Protein backbone atom coordinates (compact mmCIF):
# COMPACT_ATOMS: atom_id res chain seq x y z
CA MET A 1 0.00 0.00 0.00
CA ASP A 2 1.23 3.51 -0.78
CA TYR A 3 1.05 5.17 2.63
CA TYR A 4 2.63 8.40 1.45
CA ALA A 5 -0.04 8.88 -1.23
CA ARG A 6 -2.79 8.17 1.30
CA PHE A 7 -1.49 10.54 3.99
CA SER A 8 -0.32 13.34 1.69
CA ARG A 9 -3.73 13.96 0.13
CA ASN A 10 -4.53 16.38 2.94
CA ALA A 11 -1.64 18.79 3.74
CA ILE A 12 -2.99 19.65 7.20
CA GLN A 13 -3.39 15.99 8.14
CA PHE A 14 0.10 15.25 6.78
CA LEU A 15 1.55 17.99 8.99
CA ALA A 16 -0.32 16.64 12.02
CA LEU A 17 0.84 13.07 11.38
CA THR A 18 4.49 13.69 10.49
CA GLY A 19 5.34 17.09 11.92
CA SER A 20 6.51 18.16 8.45
CA THR A 21 4.94 20.11 5.66
CA LEU A 22 4.97 18.51 2.22
CA LYS A 23 7.64 21.03 1.16
CA GLU A 24 9.86 20.10 4.13
CA PHE A 25 9.22 16.42 3.48
CA HIS A 26 10.36 16.71 -0.16
CA ALA A 27 13.44 18.69 0.89
CA LEU A 28 14.40 15.94 3.36
CA LEU A 29 13.59 12.98 1.09
CA PRO A 30 16.70 12.96 -1.20
CA ILE A 31 19.11 13.21 1.74
CA PHE A 32 17.18 10.55 3.65
CA ARG A 33 17.28 8.31 0.54
CA ALA A 34 21.06 8.71 0.27
CA CYS A 35 21.56 7.97 3.98
CA PHE A 36 19.32 4.91 3.81
CA LEU A 37 21.06 3.48 0.73
CA GLU A 38 24.47 4.17 2.27
CA ARG A 39 23.44 2.31 5.42
CA MET A 40 22.07 -0.61 3.41
CA GLU A 41 25.41 -0.95 1.57
CA THR A 42 27.00 -1.72 4.94
CA TYR A 43 24.26 -3.48 6.93
CA THR A 44 21.55 -6.06 6.28
CA LEU A 45 17.94 -5.59 7.37
CA LYS A 46 18.81 -7.64 10.47
CA GLY A 47 21.53 -5.10 11.37
CA GLU A 48 24.43 -7.42 10.60
CA LYS A 49 27.43 -6.44 8.49
CA ARG A 50 26.70 -6.95 4.82
CA GLU A 51 29.28 -9.22 3.22
CA HIS A 52 28.14 -10.52 -0.14
CA ARG A 53 24.95 -9.38 -1.78
CA ARG A 54 23.96 -5.77 -2.26
CA TYR A 55 20.68 -4.41 -0.92
CA VAL A 56 17.60 -4.94 -3.08
CA GLU A 57 14.09 -4.00 -1.96
CA TYR A 58 12.31 -7.25 -1.26
CA ARG A 59 9.06 -7.91 -3.09
CA ASN A 60 6.68 -8.08 -0.13
CA SER A 61 8.20 -5.20 1.87
CA PRO A 62 5.62 -3.38 3.99
CA LEU A 63 7.36 -0.08 3.16
CA VAL A 64 7.77 -0.23 -0.59
CA SER A 65 8.82 3.29 -1.53
CA MET A 66 11.34 5.64 0.07
CA GLU A 67 8.46 8.05 0.72
CA ASP A 68 6.70 5.35 2.74
CA LYS A 69 9.86 4.72 4.76
CA LEU A 70 10.24 8.41 5.59
CA VAL A 71 6.53 8.80 6.45
CA PHE A 72 6.80 5.72 8.68
CA ILE A 73 9.70 7.00 10.80
CA LEU A 74 8.43 10.59 10.94
CA MET A 75 5.01 9.40 12.11
CA TYR A 76 6.53 7.07 14.67
CA LEU A 77 8.67 9.81 16.17
CA ARG A 78 5.87 12.37 16.02
CA LYS A 79 3.14 10.24 17.55
CA GLY A 80 5.19 8.12 19.97
CA THR A 81 2.60 5.35 20.04
CA THR A 82 3.33 1.71 20.76
CA GLN A 83 4.88 -0.43 18.08
CA ASP A 84 1.86 -2.75 18.14
CA ILE A 85 -0.55 0.01 17.19
CA PHE A 86 1.92 1.51 14.77
CA GLY A 87 2.37 -1.87 13.08
CA GLU A 88 -1.40 -2.08 12.63
CA VAL A 89 -1.48 1.32 10.90
CA PHE A 90 1.23 0.17 8.48
CA ASN A 91 -0.06 -3.41 8.17
CA MET A 92 2.90 -5.18 9.79
CA SER A 93 3.58 -7.07 12.99
CA GLN A 94 5.20 -5.45 16.02
CA PRO A 95 8.58 -7.18 15.49
CA ILE A 96 8.69 -5.98 11.87
CA ALA A 97 7.74 -2.44 12.96
CA ASN A 98 10.53 -2.57 15.54
CA LYS A 99 13.02 -3.72 12.92
CA TRP A 100 12.10 -0.87 10.56
CA ILE A 101 12.26 1.71 13.37
CA HIS A 102 15.81 0.60 14.21
CA ILE A 103 16.81 0.73 10.55
CA LEU A 104 15.24 4.08 9.69
CA HIS A 105 15.86 6.14 12.82
CA PRO A 106 19.66 6.40 12.35
CA CYS A 107 19.09 7.29 8.69
CA LEU A 108 16.74 10.11 9.63
CA SER A 109 19.15 11.38 12.30
CA GLN A 110 22.00 11.40 9.78
CA ALA A 111 19.87 13.16 7.16
CA LEU A 112 18.79 15.85 9.63
CA ALA A 113 22.39 16.31 10.74
CA GLU A 114 23.50 16.78 7.13
CA LEU A 115 20.82 19.44 6.72
CA GLY A 116 21.83 21.09 10.00
CA GLU A 117 18.33 20.49 11.35
CA ARG A 118 18.90 18.11 14.26
CA PRO A 119 16.78 19.01 17.27
CA ALA A 120 18.53 20.89 20.07
CA ARG A 121 19.01 18.69 23.14
CA SER A 122 20.00 21.50 25.49
CA VAL A 123 19.54 25.25 25.80
CA SER A 124 23.20 25.83 24.87
CA GLU A 125 22.63 24.08 21.51
CA LEU A 126 19.57 26.20 20.78
CA LYS A 127 20.29 28.79 18.11
CA VAL A 128 17.65 31.46 18.07
CA GLY A 129 17.85 34.54 15.87
CA ALA A 130 15.99 36.74 18.31
CA GLU A 131 15.87 40.45 18.74
CA GLU A 132 17.33 41.94 21.92
CA GLY A 133 15.12 41.32 24.94
CA GLN A 134 12.96 38.57 23.45
CA LEU A 135 12.38 35.51 25.57
CA PHE A 136 11.73 32.02 24.15
CA PHE A 137 10.39 29.02 26.01
CA GLN A 138 10.53 25.40 25.01
CA ASP A 139 7.92 23.49 26.93
CA GLY A 140 9.10 20.10 28.02
CA THR A 141 7.94 17.18 30.08
CA GLU A 142 8.09 16.11 33.68
CA ARG A 143 10.37 13.16 34.36
CA PRO A 144 9.60 11.15 37.52
CA ILE A 145 12.32 11.01 40.17
CA GLU A 146 12.67 9.29 43.53
CA ARG A 147 10.98 11.18 46.33
CA PRO A 148 13.60 13.40 48.00
CA LYS A 149 14.12 12.93 51.75
CA ASP A 150 14.51 16.65 52.44
CA PRO A 151 11.05 18.28 52.94
CA GLU A 152 12.18 21.46 51.16
CA LYS A 153 13.21 19.46 48.07
CA GLN A 154 9.98 17.47 48.27
CA ARG A 155 7.97 20.69 47.90
CA LYS A 156 10.21 21.87 45.07
CA TYR A 157 9.95 18.68 43.02
CA TYR A 158 6.34 17.69 43.74
CA SER A 159 4.07 17.84 40.71
CA GLY A 160 0.41 18.29 41.48
CA LYS A 161 -0.26 17.48 37.85
CA LYS A 162 1.43 14.07 37.98
CA LYS A 163 0.80 13.46 41.71
CA ARG A 164 4.44 12.49 42.20
CA HIS A 165 7.90 14.01 42.37
CA CYS A 166 9.35 15.08 39.02
CA ILE A 167 12.04 17.15 37.40
CA LYS A 168 10.40 19.72 35.21
CA ASN A 169 12.26 19.97 31.89
CA ASN A 170 11.52 23.44 30.59
CA GLY A 171 14.31 24.98 28.59
CA PHE A 172 14.39 28.63 27.72
CA SER A 173 16.68 31.06 26.03
CA SER A 174 16.86 34.81 25.91
CA ASP A 175 19.23 36.87 23.84
């Protein structure tokens, strides 16, 4: 099935599913293709070192086209759902979905790095072209931690939202 054709019919839905506009998707696709093919020259689908035969798309692959592969990994990373459910969407079993995630994720990371578009992992990596005095916030998540013994720290780290003790990961930058 051509998943890309199905999901790309509606640009707003495509953005919601993948986190990319169609224009961004098509800009990323050639670099992703090159990274994927480079990886497949070295490794098999099982992740082992390739020794003899070159990579050829197998006939009954659940992700036939390169567009489908890119849509698959973008949707997985965007939605963060379980591999079981994700496999159902793409008509494959959970182990096959897991295999494709582990094959495609490094390819996507490499492609984004080549474009200079890898996500910032810390505030120091964040490059914002802001005017003087502007403040930017990146909302994050709350990661659970062990309950601190000190009552002062307990109050600081308690999350009424999660009803447990958490570290609140909110990064911000001001220039």
